[in-house]
N, C-alpha and C. Protein backbone atom coordinates (compact mmCIF):
# COMPACT_ATOMS: atom_id res chain seq x y z
N UNK A 1 -2.71 -15.70 -3.91
CA UNK A 1 -2.56 -16.73 -3.73
C UNK A 1 -3.68 -17.45 -3.52
N UNK A 2 -3.88 -19.09 -4.07
CA UNK A 2 -4.90 -19.65 -4.91
C UNK A 2 -4.67 -21.32 -4.26
N UNK A 3 -6.18 -21.34 -3.57
CA UNK A 3 -5.26 -22.82 -2.94
C UNK A 3 -6.79 -23.90 -2.50
N UNK A 4 -6.82 -25.32 -2.25
CA UNK A 4 -7.82 -25.66 -1.64
C UNK A 4 -8.17 -25.67 -0.84
N UNK A 5 -9.64 -25.42 -0.45
CA UNK A 5 -10.32 -24.63 1.26
C UNK A 5 -10.46 -26.72 1.93
N UNK A 6 -9.29 -26.47 2.86
CA UNK A 6 -9.11 -27.79 3.67
C UNK A 6 -9.92 -27.95 4.95
N UNK A 7 -10.13 -26.42 5.41
CA UNK A 7 -10.86 -26.33 6.42
C UNK A 7 -10.53 -24.22 6.92
N UNK A 8 -11.14 -24.11 8.40
CA UNK A 8 -11.44 -22.72 8.74
C UNK A 8 -12.24 -22.47 9.75
N UNK A 9 -12.15 -20.98 10.12
CA UNK A 9 -12.90 -21.24 12.46
C UNK A 9 -13.41 -19.71 11.52
N UNK A 10 -14.06 -19.56 12.99
CA UNK A 10 -14.27 -18.23 13.39
C UNK A 10 -13.90 -17.07 12.97
N UNK A 11 -12.92 -17.43 13.32
CA UNK A 11 -11.91 -15.36 12.90
C UNK A 11 -11.37 -15.63 11.27
N UNK A 12 -12.10 -16.16 10.31
CA UNK A 12 -11.31 -16.63 9.20
C UNK A 12 -10.41 -16.91 9.48
N UNK A 13 -8.96 -17.86 9.33
CA UNK A 13 -8.18 -18.38 9.45
C UNK A 13 -8.67 -19.56 8.94
N UNK A 14 -7.65 -19.39 7.12
CA UNK A 14 -7.96 -20.77 6.45
C UNK A 14 -6.79 -21.51 6.36
N UNK A 15 -7.15 -22.57 5.55
CA UNK A 15 -6.60 -23.98 5.82
C UNK A 15 -6.52 -23.75 4.07
N UNK A 16 -5.38 -24.02 4.00
CA UNK A 16 -5.42 -23.99 1.78
C UNK A 16 -4.34 -25.22 1.45
N UNK A 17 -4.41 -26.28 0.94
CA UNK A 17 -3.46 -27.21 0.97
C UNK A 17 -4.00 -26.96 -1.62
N UNK A 18 -2.82 -27.37 -1.64
CA UNK A 18 -1.89 -27.39 -2.50
C UNK A 18 -2.02 -25.92 -3.19
N UNK A 19 -1.27 -24.71 -2.56
CA UNK A 19 -1.01 -23.49 -2.15
C UNK A 19 -0.21 -22.94 -3.96
N UNK A 20 -0.48 -21.81 -4.25
CA UNK A 20 0.30 -21.01 -5.81
C UNK A 20 0.15 -19.80 -5.18
N UNK A 21 1.71 -19.06 -4.73
CA UNK A 21 1.56 -17.68 -4.39
C UNK A 21 1.49 -17.38 -5.94
N UNK A 22 0.86 -16.19 -6.15
CA UNK A 22 1.69 -15.12 -7.29
C UNK A 22 2.49 -14.15 -6.92
N UNK A 23 3.93 -14.13 -7.42
CA UNK A 23 4.25 -13.14 -7.60
C UNK A 23 4.37 -11.69 -7.88
N UNK A 24 4.29 -10.85 -6.90
CA UNK A 24 4.30 -9.53 -7.07
C UNK A 24 5.63 -8.42 -7.87
N UNK A 25 5.41 -7.16 -9.07
CA UNK A 25 6.22 -6.87 -9.73
C UNK A 25 7.49 -6.42 -8.29
N UNK A 26 8.72 -6.70 -8.79
CA UNK A 26 9.56 -5.80 -7.13
C UNK A 26 9.12 -4.61 -7.12
N UNK A 27 9.25 -3.88 -8.92
CA UNK A 27 8.82 -2.20 -8.44
C UNK A 27 7.75 -1.55 -8.57
N UNK A 28 6.59 -2.32 -8.93
CA UNK A 28 5.19 -1.83 -8.87
C UNK A 28 4.07 -3.47 -7.96
N UNK A 29 4.15 -2.81 -6.72
CA UNK A 29 3.44 -3.97 -5.18
C UNK A 29 2.05 -3.59 -5.32
N UNK A 30 1.75 -3.08 -6.81
CA UNK A 30 -0.17 -3.27 -7.18
C UNK A 30 -0.07 -4.25 -8.55
N UNK A 31 1.25 -4.67 -8.65
CA UNK A 31 1.33 -5.86 -10.20
C UNK A 31 1.62 -7.00 -9.94
N UNK A 32 0.93 -8.02 -10.24
CA UNK A 32 1.44 -9.54 -10.61
C UNK A 32 2.25 -9.19 -11.41
N UNK A 33 2.69 -10.36 -11.08
CA UNK A 33 4.12 -11.07 -11.97
C UNK A 33 3.59 -12.50 -12.83
N UNK A 34 3.85 -13.06 -13.96
CA UNK A 34 3.39 -14.85 -14.58
C UNK A 34 4.33 -15.55 -13.26
N UNK A 35 5.54 -15.34 -12.39
CA UNK A 35 6.04 -15.80 -11.36
C UNK A 35 5.09 -16.18 -10.09
N UNK A 36 5.25 -17.62 -10.16
CA UNK A 36 4.67 -18.65 -9.22
C UNK A 36 5.03 -19.84 -8.38
N UNK A 37 5.00 -19.72 -6.92
CA UNK A 37 5.48 -20.64 -5.79
C UNK A 37 4.57 -21.62 -5.51
N UNK A 38 5.16 -22.29 -5.89
CA UNK A 38 4.07 -23.87 -5.00
C UNK A 38 4.07 -24.17 -3.40
N UNK A 39 3.07 -24.02 -2.60
CA UNK A 39 3.72 -23.80 -1.19
C UNK A 39 2.82 -24.76 -0.61
N UNK A 40 2.42 -25.77 -1.35
CA UNK A 40 1.91 -27.02 -0.82
C UNK A 40 1.00 -26.55 0.94
N UNK A 41 0.67 -27.05 1.99
CA UNK A 41 -0.13 -27.30 2.44
C UNK A 41 0.06 -25.51 4.11
N UNK A 42 -1.10 -24.27 3.82
CA UNK A 42 -0.54 -23.63 4.44
C UNK A 42 -2.10 -22.86 4.86
N UNK A 43 -1.09 -22.36 6.61
CA UNK A 43 -2.80 -21.70 7.23
C UNK A 43 -2.16 -19.58 7.29
N UNK A 44 -3.65 -18.97 6.62
CA UNK A 44 -3.47 -17.89 6.38
C UNK A 44 -4.26 -17.46 7.72
N UNK A 45 -3.96 -17.05 8.15
CA UNK A 45 -4.37 -15.82 9.15
C UNK A 45 -6.13 -14.67 8.70
N UNK A 46 -6.46 -15.21 9.64
CA UNK A 46 -7.63 -14.28 9.29
C UNK A 46 -8.00 -12.99 8.95
N UNK A 47 -6.73 -11.90 9.51
CA UNK A 47 -6.80 -10.25 9.42
C UNK A 47 -5.99 -9.93 8.33
N UNK A 48 -5.24 -10.65 7.32
CA UNK A 48 -5.30 -11.03 6.06
C UNK A 48 -5.43 -10.97 5.10
N UNK A 49 -6.89 -11.44 5.45
CA UNK A 49 -8.16 -12.60 4.45
C UNK A 49 -8.85 -10.88 4.04
N UNK A 50 -8.23 -10.82 2.84
CA UNK A 50 -9.41 -9.71 1.95
C UNK A 50 -10.44 -10.15 1.29
N UNK A 51 -10.27 -10.80 0.55
CA UNK A 51 -10.84 -11.90 -0.81
C UNK A 51 -11.17 -13.25 -0.61
N UNK A 52 -12.45 -13.88 -0.45
CA UNK A 52 -12.25 -15.06 -0.71
C UNK A 52 -13.21 -15.56 -2.22
N UNK A 53 -12.91 -15.80 -3.04
CA UNK A 53 -14.02 -16.43 -4.13
C UNK A 53 -13.62 -18.26 -4.39
N UNK A 54 -14.84 -18.32 -5.27
CA UNK A 54 -14.30 -19.67 -6.34
C UNK A 54 -13.04 -18.82 -7.47
N UNK A 55 -12.19 -20.12 -7.28
CA UNK A 55 -11.51 -19.67 -9.00
C UNK A 55 -12.14 -19.30 -9.91
N UNK A 56 -13.13 -20.90 -10.28
CA UNK A 56 -13.11 -21.63 -11.86
C UNK A 56 -14.88 -20.95 -11.68
N UNK A 57 -15.51 -20.86 -11.19
CA UNK A 57 -16.76 -19.95 -10.82
C UNK A 57 -17.33 -20.94 -9.87
N UNK A 58 -18.91 -21.37 -10.09
CA UNK A 58 -19.98 -21.98 -9.37
C UNK A 58 -20.92 -22.34 -9.73
N UNK A 59 -21.43 -23.46 -8.92
CA UNK A 59 -22.08 -24.44 -9.69
C UNK A 59 -24.10 -23.67 -8.28
N UNK A 60 -24.61 -23.69 -8.88
CA UNK A 60 -25.67 -23.28 -7.74
C UNK A 60 -26.82 -25.13 -7.79
N UNK A 61 -27.09 -26.01 -6.61
CA UNK A 61 -27.58 -26.41 -6.36
C UNK A 61 -29.31 -26.16 -5.70
N UNK A 62 -29.82 -27.17 -5.69
CA UNK A 62 -30.75 -27.28 -4.32
C UNK A 62 -30.59 -27.06 -2.73
N UNK A 63 -31.24 -26.72 -2.24
CA UNK A 63 -31.49 -26.08 -0.85
C UNK A 63 -31.39 -27.17 -0.17
N UNK A 64 -30.41 -27.71 0.46
CA UNK A 64 -30.40 -29.24 1.10
C UNK A 64 -31.31 -29.14 2.80
N UNK A 65 -31.71 -28.60 2.88
CA UNK A 65 -32.62 -28.30 3.78
C UNK A 65 -33.78 -27.68 3.89
N UNK A 66 -33.89 -27.32 3.55
CA UNK A 66 -35.43 -27.20 2.88
C UNK A 66 -36.88 -28.23 3.20
N UNK A 67 -37.50 -28.29 3.94
CA UNK A 67 -38.48 -29.10 3.88
C UNK A 67 -39.44 -29.41 2.93
N UNK A 68 -39.51 -29.98 1.79
CA UNK A 68 -40.91 -30.54 1.10
C UNK A 68 -41.54 -30.64 1.20
N UNK A 69 -42.52 -29.18 1.01
CA UNK A 69 -44.15 -29.30 1.42
C UNK A 69 -44.97 -31.18 0.74
N UNK A 70 -45.66 -32.03 1.26
CA UNK A 70 -46.43 -32.62 1.56
C UNK A 70 -46.76 -33.15 2.24
């Protein structure tokens, strides 16, 4: 599934919005099909979460917590 992260907790429970579920092949559960299903707002239990990564990549930003010398 993919979606917009709206919240999380220390147990890695996630709240995702605009969530899309990618359907698996009924004959081969390790293979994804082109079929999708729009789920909207969902809560993913932390025990089910295997991987979290950005869908479109990421952008490095300066660390806002580093104190400037001077």
